[in-house]
Amino acid sequence: MNMELSDSSASRITRFDRVTTAAFLALSLLIGVTPCSHAADAPAANPPAKPTTDKSADAAAGDLVHTVPPGGKTTGTVGPDRQQGNDLVRTGQFFFPRLQFQCHESVPDKWDVHLIGDQKLRDAVKKLTNVNILTDLVVVNLDKPDELCQYPFVFMTSEGEFDFSEENVKALREYLLRGGFLYGDDCVLNQSSVPGSGDRFYTAFVQQMARVFPENPMRPVPNDHEIFNCFFKLPRVPHAQGVDHPAMGLFDKDTGRLMCMVTSGDIHCGWVGFGNLNRTACTQSIQLGVNIVIYCLTH
């Protein structure tokens, strides 16, 4: 595997040669292997990656930040690939599904907030790595565990509190134990005048995961964990806005694999690139998103 360190003093990163490294070829073979079902045919390997440029990967990630005015249009659509359904799951493509769920309070930003942020991260993964990622939106639901288990990765976000049903708790536990990965990010409650109000989703996520794994509570993810260093080297979990809590993770008690993680710093809005957010925070948010995808595919 060819690896080199960039000269950036602000954020030294480990860079993978996107053309020749066998690691990404291995990723293409892993993408079609799902946590709850097995493909009958081997997934197609990725085509050769585009030649790298002279820019370091961290600079390239910064170039992908396009600012959106606060309150700007950030909607997304379900593309034609979604309508093709399960047939695409076994073609060697990596999916970035959004989890649909119900908040038990009325909040502006629900499960489908700022879908364009997911799209921007998918575009970043496609441009910065050799991962064969599908760029259209996919939506999954814990009420349909068979469909959920076709995807090794799921993302969820909102700004409100939520509860899982007992059936959802069982489905999520099974999904994670079979190799799935869940990433949650707090969209930050809009009531900035209320101290400490910007972490309702984060708090609810930790509480609900205690129901999913009562014998294995979430704990802070250390700054030197692989998820912060596997592609981009980040000094700590990024923070775009909201309450600055540590990233919390659920670790497999037998293997140590990180099965799910939640962040409080509105990483997703960093993917969107809102103009009121610090540009460095937005760049680091994209970098963390890329790291999460790489970690998921290699564990």
C-alpha atoms as a PDB file:
ATOM      1  CA  MET A   1       0.000   0.000   0.000  1.00  0.00           C
ATOM      2  CA  ASN A   2       1.398   3.378  -0.992  1.00  0.00           C
ATOM      3  CA  MET A   3       0.967   5.981   1.694  1.00  0.00           C
ATOM      4  CA  GLU A   4       2.447   9.432   2.083  1.00  0.00           C
ATOM      5  CA  LEU A   5       2.096  12.244   4.559  1.00  0.00           C
ATOM      6  CA  SER A   6       1.159  15.699   3.395  1.00  0.00           C
ATOM      7  CA  ASP A   7       3.216  18.686   4.470  1.00  0.00           C
ATOM      8  CA  SER A   8       0.230  20.546   5.891  1.00  0.00           C
ATOM      9  CA  SER A   9       1.062  21.586   9.429  1.00  0.00           C
ATOM     10  CA  ALA A  10      -2.583  22.345  10.221  1.00  0.00           C
ATOM     11  CA  SER A  11      -3.864  18.891   9.403  1.00  0.00           C
ATOM     12  CA  ARG A  12      -1.391  16.176   8.455  1.00  0.00           C
ATOM     13  CA  ILE A  13      -3.253  13.337   6.807  1.00  0.00           C
ATOM     14  CA  THR A  14      -2.607   9.827   5.668  1.00  0.00           C
ATOM     15  CA  ARG A  15      -3.231   9.684   1.926  1.00  0.00           C
ATOM     16  CA  PHE A  16      -4.094   6.560  -0.003  1.00  0.00           C
ATOM     17  CA  ASP A  17      -2.903   6.307  -3.605  1.00  0.00           C
ATOM     18  CA  ARG A  18      -6.264   6.143  -5.320  1.00  0.00           C
ATOM     19  CA  VAL A  19      -4.960   4.490  -8.466  1.00  0.00           C
ATOM     20  CA  THR A  20      -2.643   1.678  -7.376  1.00  0.00           C
ATOM     21  CA  THR A  21      -3.397   0.738  -3.780  1.00  0.00           C
ATOM     22  CA  ALA A  22      -4.859  -2.701  -3.242  1.00  0.00           C
ATOM     23  CA  ALA A  23      -6.824  -1.402  -0.263  1.00  0.00           C
ATOM     24  CA  PHE A  24      -9.425   0.318  -2.369  1.00  0.00           C
ATOM     25  CA  LEU A  25      -9.691  -2.686  -4.654  1.00  0.00           C
ATOM     26  CA  ALA A  26     -10.475  -4.661  -1.525  1.00  0.00           C
ATOM     27  CA  LEU A  27     -13.067  -2.038  -0.598  1.00  0.00           C
ATOM     28  CA  SER A  28     -14.843  -2.556  -3.892  1.00  0.00           C
ATOM     29  CA  LEU A  29     -15.160  -6.238  -3.018  1.00  0.00           C
ATOM     30  CA  LEU A  30     -16.492  -5.459   0.435  1.00  0.00           C
ATOM     31  CA  ILE A  31     -19.096  -2.924  -0.621  1.00  0.00           C
ATOM     32  CA  GLY A  32     -21.620  -5.463  -1.817  1.00  0.00           C
ATOM     33  CA  VAL A  33     -21.416  -7.645   1.314  1.00  0.00           C
ATOM     34  CA  THR A  34     -24.318  -6.639   3.495  1.00  0.00           C
ATOM     35  CA  PRO A  35     -24.732  -7.214   7.242  1.00  0.00           C
ATOM     36  CA  CYS A  36     -27.905  -9.302   7.125  1.00  0.00           C
ATOM     37  CA  SER A  37     -27.821 -10.988   3.735  1.00  0.00           C
ATOM     38  CA  HIS A  38     -25.257 -12.299   1.281  1.00  0.00           C
ATOM     39  CA  ALA A  39     -25.059 -11.633  -2.432  1.00  0.00           C
ATOM     40  CA  ALA A  40     -25.135 -14.619  -4.724  1.00  0.00           C
ATOM     41  CA  ASP A  41     -22.724 -13.003  -7.155  1.00  0.00           C
ATOM     42  CA  ALA A  42     -19.503 -11.173  -6.389  1.00  0.00           C
ATOM     43  CA  PRO A  43     -19.871  -7.383  -6.723  1.00  0.00           C
ATOM     44  CA  ALA A  44     -18.166  -5.633  -9.594  1.00  0.00           C
ATOM     45  CA  ALA A  45     -14.784  -4.107  -8.838  1.00  0.00           C
ATOM     46  CA  ASN A  46     -14.282  -0.368  -9.060  1.00  0.00           C
ATOM     47  CA  PRO A  47     -12.858   1.100 -12.254  1.00  0.00           C
ATOM     48  CA  PRO A  48      -9.442   2.765 -11.981  1.00  0.00           C
ATOM     49  CA  ALA A  49      -9.597   5.972 -10.008  1.00  0.00           C
ATOM     50  CA  LYS A  50      -9.065   9.338 -11.614  1.00  0.00           C
ATOM     51  CA  PRO A  51      -5.470  10.533 -11.459  1.00  0.00           C
ATOM     52  CA  THR A  52      -4.675  12.490  -8.360  1.00  0.00           C
ATOM     53  CA  THR A  53      -3.917  16.207  -8.565  1.00  0.00           C
ATOM     54  CA  ASP A  54      -1.102  18.170  -6.998  1.00  0.00           C
ATOM     55  CA  LYS A  55      -3.416  19.353  -4.223  1.00  0.00           C
ATOM     56  CA  SER A  56      -3.231  17.615  -0.882  1.00  0.00           C
ATOM     57  CA  ALA A  57      -6.397  15.748   0.061  1.00  0.00           C
ATOM     58  CA  ASP A  58      -7.190  18.146   2.881  1.00  0.00           C
ATOM     59  CA  ALA A  59      -7.007  21.111   0.518  1.00  0.00           C
ATOM     60  CA  ALA A  60      -9.230  19.215  -1.904  1.00  0.00           C
ATOM     61  CA  ALA A  61     -11.754  18.641   0.884  1.00  0.00           C
ATOM     62  CA  GLY A  62     -11.745  22.365   1.595  1.00  0.00           C
ATOM     63  CA  ASP A  63     -12.464  23.071  -2.055  1.00  0.00           C
ATOM     64  CA  LEU A  64     -15.635  20.995  -1.759  1.00  0.00           C
ATOM     65  CA  VAL A  65     -17.129  23.375   0.822  1.00  0.00           C
ATOM     66  CA  HIS A  66     -19.684  25.549  -0.951  1.00  0.00           C
ATOM     67  CA  THR A  67     -21.384  27.934   1.422  1.00  0.00           C
ATOM     68  CA  VAL A  68     -25.166  28.096   1.608  1.00  0.00           C
ATOM     69  CA  PRO A  69     -26.861  31.141   3.179  1.00  0.00           C
ATOM     70  CA  PRO A  70     -28.662  30.301   6.450  1.00  0.00           C
ATOM     71  CA  GLY A  71     -32.206  29.390   5.508  1.00  0.00           C
ATOM     72  CA  GLY A  72     -31.182  28.707   1.911  1.00  0.00           C
ATOM     73  CA  LYS A  73     -32.771  25.915  -0.109  1.00  0.00           C
ATOM     74  CA  THR A  74     -31.182  22.620   0.830  1.00  0.00           C
ATOM     75  CA  THR A  75     -33.697  20.031  -0.287  1.00  0.00           C
ATOM     76  CA  GLY A  76     -32.844  16.750  -1.956  1.00  0.00           C
ATOM     77  CA  THR A  77     -34.755  14.291  -4.084  1.00  0.00           C
ATOM     78  CA  VAL A  78     -35.032  10.562  -4.422  1.00  0.00           C
ATOM     79  CA  GLY A  79     -33.255   9.707  -7.670  1.00  0.00           C
ATOM     80  CA  PRO A  80     -33.975   6.943 -10.171  1.00  0.00           C
ATOM     81  CA  ASP A  81     -31.468   4.611  -8.520  1.00  0.00           C
ATOM     82  CA  ARG A  82     -33.764   4.441  -5.483  1.00  0.00           C
ATOM     83  CA  GLN A  83     -36.624   3.130  -7.596  1.00  0.00           C
ATOM     84  CA  GLN A  84     -34.473   0.242  -8.802  1.00  0.00           C
ATOM     85  CA  GLY A  85     -34.573  -1.147  -5.273  1.00  0.00           C
ATOM     86  CA  ASN A  86     -32.725  -4.208  -4.084  1.00  0.00           C
ATOM     87  CA  ASP A  87     -31.119  -5.110  -7.420  1.00  0.00           C
ATOM     88  CA  LEU A  88     -28.526  -2.365  -6.962  1.00  0.00           C
ATOM     89  CA  VAL A  89     -27.475  -3.525  -3.509  1.00  0.00           C
ATOM     90  CA  ARG A  90     -25.374  -6.314  -5.032  1.00  0.00           C
ATOM     91  CA  THR A  91     -23.627  -4.380  -7.811  1.00  0.00           C
ATOM     92  CA  GLY A  92     -20.576  -3.280  -5.835  1.00  0.00           C
ATOM     93  CA  GLN A  93     -21.858   0.190  -4.983  1.00  0.00           C
ATOM     94  CA  PHE A  94     -21.733   1.745  -1.528  1.00  0.00           C
ATOM     95  CA  PHE A  95     -24.951   3.354  -0.347  1.00  0.00           C
ATOM     96  CA  PHE A  96     -25.347   6.243   2.093  1.00  0.00           C
ATOM     97  CA  PRO A  97     -28.929   5.772   3.376  1.00  0.00           C
ATOM     98  CA  ARG A  98     -30.842   8.201   5.589  1.00  0.00           C
ATOM     99  CA  LEU A  99     -32.891   6.680   8.439  1.00  0.00           C
ATOM    100  CA  GLN A 100     -36.530   7.720   8.632  1.00  0.00           C
ATOM    101  CA  PHE A 101     -37.856   7.966  12.196  1.00  0.00           C
ATOM    102  CA  GLN A 102     -40.358   9.942  14.253  1.00  0.00           C
ATOM    103  CA  CYS A 103     -39.507  12.663  16.770  1.00  0.00           C
ATOM    104  CA  HIS A 104     -41.951  12.849  19.679  1.00  0.00           C
ATOM    105  CA  GLU A 105     -42.008  16.641  19.610  1.00  0.00           C
ATOM    106  CA  SER A 106     -42.789  19.169  16.910  1.00  0.00           C
ATOM    107  CA  VAL A 107     -39.490  20.495  15.552  1.00  0.00           C
ATOM    108  CA  PRO A 108     -38.692  22.189  12.229  1.00  0.00           C
ATOM    109  CA  ASP A 109     -35.770  19.908  11.404  1.00  0.00           C
ATOM    110  CA  LYS A 110     -36.955  16.319  11.368  1.00  0.00           C
ATOM    111  CA  TRP A 111     -35.350  13.139  10.024  1.00  0.00           C
ATOM    112  CA  ASP A 112     -35.192  14.496   6.454  1.00  0.00           C
ATOM    113  CA  VAL A 113     -33.562  17.846   7.216  1.00  0.00           C
ATOM    114  CA  HIS A 114     -31.077  19.238   4.650  1.00  0.00           C
ATOM    115  CA  LEU A 115     -30.838  16.188   2.411  1.00  0.00           C
ATOM    116  CA  ILE A 116     -28.412  18.143   0.253  1.00  0.00           C
ATOM    117  CA  GLY A 117     -25.803  17.646   3.002  1.00  0.00           C
ATOM    118  CA  ASP A 118     -25.836  13.889   2.395  1.00  0.00           C
ATOM    119  CA  GLN A 119     -25.485  14.548  -1.305  1.00  0.00           C
ATOM    120  CA  LYS A 120     -22.496  16.829  -0.793  1.00  0.00           C
ATOM    121  CA  LEU A 121     -20.738  14.243   1.350  1.00  0.00           C
ATOM    122  CA  ARG A 122     -21.440  11.513  -1.201  1.00  0.00           C
ATOM    123  CA  ASP A 123     -19.928  13.772  -3.851  1.00  0.00           C
ATOM    124  CA  ALA A 124     -16.881  14.351  -1.626  1.00  0.00           C
ATOM    125  CA  VAL A 125     -16.359  10.619  -1.097  1.00  0.00           C
ATOM    126  CA  LYS A 126     -16.607  10.088  -4.844  1.00  0.00           C
ATOM    127  CA  LYS A 127     -14.059  12.821  -5.605  1.00  0.00           C
ATOM    128  CA  LEU A 128     -11.579  12.192  -2.794  1.00  0.00           C
ATOM    129  CA  THR A 129     -11.518   8.380  -2.747  1.00  0.00           C
ATOM    130  CA  ASN A 130     -11.942   5.382  -5.003  1.00  0.00           C
ATOM    131  CA  VAL A 131     -15.093   4.209  -3.210  1.00  0.00           C
ATOM    132  CA  ASN A 132     -17.842   3.396  -5.699  1.00  0.00           C
ATOM    133  CA  ILE A 133     -20.530   5.351  -3.847  1.00  0.00           C
ATOM    134  CA  LEU A 134     -24.076   5.777  -5.115  1.00  0.00           C
ATOM    135  CA  THR A 135     -24.926   9.480  -5.296  1.00  0.00           C
ATOM    136  CA  ASP A 136     -28.732   9.225  -5.148  1.00  0.00           C
ATOM    137  CA  LEU A 137     -30.748   9.295  -1.954  1.00  0.00           C
ATOM    138  CA  VAL A 138     -31.807   6.066  -0.242  1.00  0.00           C
ATOM    139  CA  VAL A 139     -34.251   6.072   2.701  1.00  0.00           C
ATOM    140  CA  VAL A 140     -34.543   3.195   5.184  1.00  0.00           C
ATOM    141  CA  ASN A 141     -36.748   2.551   8.187  1.00  0.00           C
ATOM    142  CA  LEU A 142     -36.358   0.401  11.300  1.00  0.00           C
ATOM    143  CA  ASP A 143     -39.904  -0.837  10.704  1.00  0.00           C
ATOM    144  CA  LYS A 144     -38.519  -2.677   7.661  1.00  0.00           C
ATOM    145  CA  PRO A 145     -35.502  -4.548   9.075  1.00  0.00           C
ATOM    146  CA  ASP A 146     -35.009  -6.756   6.011  1.00  0.00           C
ATOM    147  CA  GLU A 147     -34.546  -3.672   3.852  1.00  0.00           C
ATOM    148  CA  LEU A 148     -32.356  -1.990   6.474  1.00  0.00           C
ATOM    149  CA  CYS A 149     -30.054  -4.990   6.628  1.00  0.00           C
ATOM    150  CA  GLN A 150     -29.188  -4.664   2.962  1.00  0.00           C
ATOM    151  CA  TYR A 151     -27.037  -1.630   3.766  1.00  0.00           C
ATOM    152  CA  PRO A 152     -23.870  -1.751   5.902  1.00  0.00           C
ATOM    153  CA  PHE A 153     -24.154   1.951   6.789  1.00  0.00           C
ATOM    154  CA  VAL A 154     -27.026   4.229   7.869  1.00  0.00           C
ATOM    155  CA  PHE A 155     -27.091   7.927   8.811  1.00  0.00           C
ATOM    156  CA  MET A 156     -29.680   9.653  11.005  1.00  0.00           C
ATOM    157  CA  THR A 157     -30.148  13.234  12.173  1.00  0.00           C
ATOM    158  CA  SER A 158     -32.746  15.676  13.478  1.00  0.00           C
ATOM    159  CA  GLU A 159     -32.970  18.349  16.149  1.00  0.00           C
ATOM    160  CA  GLY A 160     -35.523  16.675  18.375  1.00  0.00           C
ATOM    161  CA  GLU A 161     -35.901  13.872  20.890  1.00  0.00           C
ATOM    162  CA  PHE A 162     -37.138  10.465  19.768  1.00  0.00           C
ATOM    163  CA  ASP A 163     -37.999   7.005  21.073  1.00  0.00           C
ATOM    164  CA  PHE A 164     -37.571   3.650  19.407  1.00  0.00           C
ATOM    165  CA  SER A 165     -40.352   1.092  19.682  1.00  0.00           C
ATOM    166  CA  GLU A 166     -39.489  -2.290  21.175  1.00  0.00           C
ATOM    167  CA  GLU A 167     -39.542  -3.755  17.668  1.00  0.00           C
ATOM    168  CA  ASN A 168     -37.160  -1.024  16.488  1.00  0.00           C
ATOM    169  CA  VAL A 169     -34.813  -1.721  19.390  1.00  0.00           C
ATOM    170  CA  LYS A 170     -34.636  -5.403  18.432  1.00  0.00           C
ATOM    171  CA  ALA A 171     -34.149  -4.605  14.750  1.00  0.00           C
ATOM    172  CA  LEU A 172     -31.364  -2.104  15.416  1.00  0.00           C
ATOM    173  CA  ARG A 173     -29.556  -4.459  17.782  1.00  0.00           C
ATOM    174  CA  GLU A 174     -29.655  -7.229  15.185  1.00  0.00           C
ATOM    175  CA  TYR A 175     -28.457  -4.848  12.471  1.00  0.00           C
ATOM    176  CA  LEU A 176     -25.454  -3.655  14.483  1.00  0.00           C
ATOM    177  CA  LEU A 177     -24.479  -7.127  15.689  1.00  0.00           C
ATOM    178  CA  ARG A 178     -24.499  -8.399  12.116  1.00  0.00           C
ATOM    179  CA  GLY A 179     -21.957  -5.771  11.085  1.00  0.00           C
ATOM    180  CA  GLY A 180     -24.002  -2.671  10.351  1.00  0.00           C
ATOM    181  CA  PHE A 181     -22.861   0.842  11.299  1.00  0.00           C
ATOM    182  CA  LEU A 182     -25.122   3.701  12.440  1.00  0.00           C
ATOM    183  CA  TYR A 183     -23.945   7.316  12.538  1.00  0.00           C
ATOM    184  CA  GLY A 184     -26.066   9.968  14.234  1.00  0.00           C
ATOM    185  CA  ASP A 185     -25.508  13.724  14.300  1.00  0.00           C
ATOM    186  CA  ASP A 186     -27.396  16.413  16.218  1.00  0.00           C
ATOM    187  CA  CYS A 187     -28.868  19.012  13.875  1.00  0.00           C
ATOM    188  CA  VAL A 188     -28.928  21.486  16.815  1.00  0.00           C
ATOM    189  CA  LEU A 189     -32.192  22.862  18.113  1.00  0.00           C
ATOM    190  CA  ASN A 190     -33.047  26.330  16.741  1.00  0.00           C
ATOM    191  CA  GLN A 191     -33.824  27.707  20.191  1.00  0.00           C
ATOM    192  CA  SER A 192     -30.445  29.352  20.690  1.00  0.00           C
ATOM    193  CA  SER A 193     -31.903  31.562  23.417  1.00  0.00           C
ATOM    194  CA  VAL A 194     -32.409  28.509  25.630  1.00  0.00           C
ATOM    195  CA  PRO A 195     -29.089  27.502  27.245  1.00  0.00           C
ATOM    196  CA  GLY A 196     -28.120  23.911  26.572  1.00  0.00           C
ATOM    197  CA  SER A 197     -31.043  23.300  24.228  1.00  0.00           C
ATOM    198  CA  GLY A 198     -28.930  22.291  21.247  1.00  0.00           C
ATOM    199  CA  ASP A 199     -28.283  18.671  22.156  1.00  0.00           C
ATOM    200  CA  ARG A 200     -31.694  17.015  22.362  1.00  0.00           C
ATOM    201  CA  PHE A 201     -31.056  14.565  19.540  1.00  0.00           C
ATOM    202  CA  TYR A 202     -27.591  13.730  20.899  1.00  0.00           C
ATOM    203  CA  THR A 203     -28.959  13.058  24.383  1.00  0.00           C
ATOM    204  CA  ALA A 204     -31.869  11.001  23.051  1.00  0.00           C
ATOM    205  CA  PHE A 205     -29.517   8.960  20.847  1.00  0.00           C
ATOM    206  CA  VAL A 206     -27.347   7.940  23.804  1.00  0.00           C
ATOM    207  CA  GLN A 207     -30.446   7.103  25.848  1.00  0.00           C
ATOM    208  CA  GLN A 208     -31.972   4.978  23.098  1.00  0.00           C
ATOM    209  CA  MET A 209     -28.743   3.085  22.481  1.00  0.00           C
ATOM    210  CA  ALA A 210     -28.768   2.201  26.185  1.00  0.00           C
ATOM    211  CA  ARG A 211     -32.027   0.405  25.429  1.00  0.00           C
ATOM    212  CA  VAL A 212     -30.528  -1.333  22.398  1.00  0.00           C
ATOM    213  CA  PHE A 213     -27.441  -2.481  24.336  1.00  0.00           C
ATOM    214  CA  PRO A 214     -28.238  -2.186  28.063  1.00  0.00           C
ATOM    215  CA  GLU A 215     -25.199  -4.329  28.885  1.00  0.00           C
ATOM    216  CA  ASN A 216     -22.842  -2.177  26.808  1.00  0.00           C
ATOM    217  CA  PRO A 217     -23.306   1.599  27.260  1.00  0.00           C
ATOM    218  CA  MET A 218     -21.881   4.117  24.837  1.00  0.00           C
ATOM    219  CA  ARG A 219     -18.653   5.836  25.845  1.00  0.00           C
ATOM    220  CA  PRO A 220     -16.525   8.701  24.490  1.00  0.00           C
ATOM    221  CA  VAL A 221     -14.585   7.911  21.335  1.00  0.00           C
ATOM    222  CA  PRO A 222     -10.921   8.778  22.046  1.00  0.00           C
ATOM    223  CA  ASN A 223      -9.266  11.373  19.828  1.00  0.00           C
ATOM    224  CA  ASP A 224      -6.672   8.839  18.676  1.00  0.00           C
ATOM    225  CA  HIS A 225      -9.302   6.364  17.478  1.00  0.00           C
ATOM    226  CA  GLU A 226      -8.954   5.108  13.930  1.00  0.00           C
ATOM    227  CA  ILE A 227     -12.162   6.802  12.817  1.00  0.00           C
ATOM    228  CA  PHE A 228     -10.418  10.151  13.260  1.00  0.00           C
ATOM    229  CA  ASN A 229      -7.245   9.007  11.497  1.00  0.00           C
ATOM    230  CA  CYS A 230      -8.035   6.356   8.876  1.00  0.00           C
ATOM    231  CA  PHE A 231      -7.974   8.729   5.877  1.00  0.00           C
ATOM    232  CA  PHE A 232      -7.786  12.301   7.165  1.00  0.00           C
ATOM    233  CA  LYS A 233      -5.946  12.920  10.416  1.00  0.00           C
ATOM    234  CA  LEU A 234      -8.191  14.988  12.674  1.00  0.00           C
ATOM    235  CA  PRO A 235      -7.060  16.229  16.096  1.00  0.00           C
ATOM    236  CA  ARG A 236     -10.532  15.624  17.550  1.00  0.00           C
ATOM    237  CA  VAL A 237     -14.163  15.373  16.546  1.00  0.00           C
ATOM    238  CA  PRO A 238     -15.103  18.497  14.541  1.00  0.00           C
ATOM    239  CA  HIS A 239     -17.591  20.994  15.950  1.00  0.00           C
ATOM    240  CA  ALA A 240     -19.597  23.284  13.670  1.00  0.00           C
ATOM    241  CA  GLN A 241     -22.150  24.601  16.177  1.00  0.00           C
ATOM    242  CA  GLY A 242     -24.220  23.583  19.181  1.00  0.00           C
ATOM    243  CA  VAL A 243     -23.147  22.001  22.466  1.00  0.00           C
ATOM    244  CA  ASP A 244     -19.575  20.713  22.288  1.00  0.00           C
ATOM    245  CA  HIS A 245     -19.925  17.170  23.648  1.00  0.00           C
ATOM    246  CA  PRO A 246     -17.464  14.352  22.914  1.00  0.00           C
ATOM    247  CA  ALA A 247     -18.344  11.892  20.172  1.00  0.00           C
ATOM    248  CA  MET A 248     -19.972   8.889  21.810  1.00  0.00           C
ATOM    249  CA  GLY A 249     -19.474   5.415  20.457  1.00  0.00           C
ATOM    250  CA  LEU A 250     -20.797   1.904  20.919  1.00  0.00           C
ATOM    251  CA  PHE A 251     -17.977  -0.645  20.801  1.00  0.00           C
ATOM    252  CA  ASP A 252     -18.338  -4.365  20.185  1.00  0.00           C
ATOM    253  CA  LYS A 253     -17.334  -6.039  23.459  1.00  0.00           C
ATOM    254  CA  ASP A 254     -15.630  -8.923  21.669  1.00  0.00           C
ATOM    255  CA  THR A 255     -13.835  -7.263  18.755  1.00  0.00           C
ATOM    256  CA  GLY A 256     -13.663  -3.606  19.759  1.00  0.00           C
ATOM    257  CA  ARG A 257     -15.302  -2.593  16.467  1.00  0.00           C
ATOM    258  CA  LEU A 258     -17.056   0.767  16.614  1.00  0.00           C
ATOM    259  CA  MET A 259     -20.666  -0.136  15.758  1.00  0.00           C
ATOM    260  CA  CYS A 260     -22.262   3.290  15.996  1.00  0.00           C
ATOM    261  CA  MET A 261     -21.316   6.863  16.815  1.00  0.00           C
ATOM    262  CA  VAL A 262     -23.134  10.104  17.575  1.00  0.00           C
ATOM    263  CA  THR A 263     -21.829  13.672  17.433  1.00  0.00           C
ATOM    264  CA  SER A 264     -23.292  16.856  18.897  1.00  0.00           C
ATOM    265  CA  GLY A 265     -21.582  19.484  16.740  1.00  0.00           C
ATOM    266  CA  ASP A 266     -23.895  19.588  13.700  1.00  0.00           C
ATOM    267  CA  ILE A 267     -21.426  17.861  11.390  1.00  0.00           C
ATOM    268  CA  HIS A 268     -24.194  17.447   8.844  1.00  0.00           C
ATOM    269  CA  CYS A 269     -24.683  21.221   8.517  1.00  0.00           C
ATOM    270  CA  GLY A 270     -20.939  21.376   7.971  1.00  0.00           C
ATOM    271  CA  TRP A 271     -21.460  19.074   4.965  1.00  0.00           C
ATOM    272  CA  VAL A 272     -24.103  21.510   3.705  1.00  0.00           C
ATOM    273  CA  GLY A 273     -21.651  24.405   4.135  1.00  0.00           C
ATOM    274  CA  PHE A 274     -23.894  27.073   5.610  1.00  0.00           C
ATOM    275  CA  GLY A 275     -22.335  30.528   5.330  1.00  0.00           C
ATOM    276  CA  ASN A 276     -22.693  31.270   9.043  1.00  0.00           C
ATOM    277  CA  LEU A 277     -20.431  28.338   9.956  1.00  0.00           C
ATOM    278  CA  ASN A 278     -16.661  28.425  10.231  1.00  0.00           C
ATOM    279  CA  ARG A 279     -15.122  27.234   6.965  1.00  0.00           C
ATOM    280  CA  THR A 280     -12.508  25.141   8.772  1.00  0.00           C
ATOM    281  CA  ALA A 281     -15.280  23.410  10.717  1.00  0.00           C
ATOM    282  CA  CYS A 282     -17.080  22.670   7.444  1.00  0.00           C
ATOM    283  CA  THR A 283     -13.921  21.237   5.881  1.00  0.00           C
ATOM    284  CA  GLN A 284     -13.256  19.072   8.922  1.00  0.00           C
ATOM    285  CA  SER A 285     -16.881  17.922   8.878  1.00  0.00           C
ATOM    286  CA  ILE A 286     -16.428  16.656   5.319  1.00  0.00           C
ATOM    287  CA  GLN A 287     -13.161  15.011   6.337  1.00  0.00           C
ATOM    288  CA  LEU A 288     -14.855  13.215   9.229  1.00  0.00           C
ATOM    289  CA  GLY A 289     -17.647  12.057   6.922  1.00  0.00           C
ATOM    290  CA  VAL A 290     -15.106  10.559   4.527  1.00  0.00           C
ATOM    291  CA  ASN A 291     -13.321   8.890   7.460  1.00  0.00           C
ATOM    292  CA  ILE A 292     -16.592   7.362   8.669  1.00  0.00           C
ATOM    293  CA  VAL A 293     -17.277   5.828   5.263  1.00  0.00           C
ATOM    294  CA  ILE A 294     -13.728   4.417   5.044  1.00  0.00           C
ATOM    295  CA  TYR A 295     -13.927   3.052   8.596  1.00  0.00           C
ATOM    296  CA  CYS A 296     -17.285   1.429   7.897  1.00  0.00           C
ATOM    297  CA  LEU A 297     -15.974  -0.282   4.770  1.00  0.00           C
ATOM    298  CA  THR A 298     -12.831  -1.591   6.397  1.00  0.00           C
ATOM    299  CA  HIS A 299     -14.402  -2.910   9.610  1.00  0.00           C
END
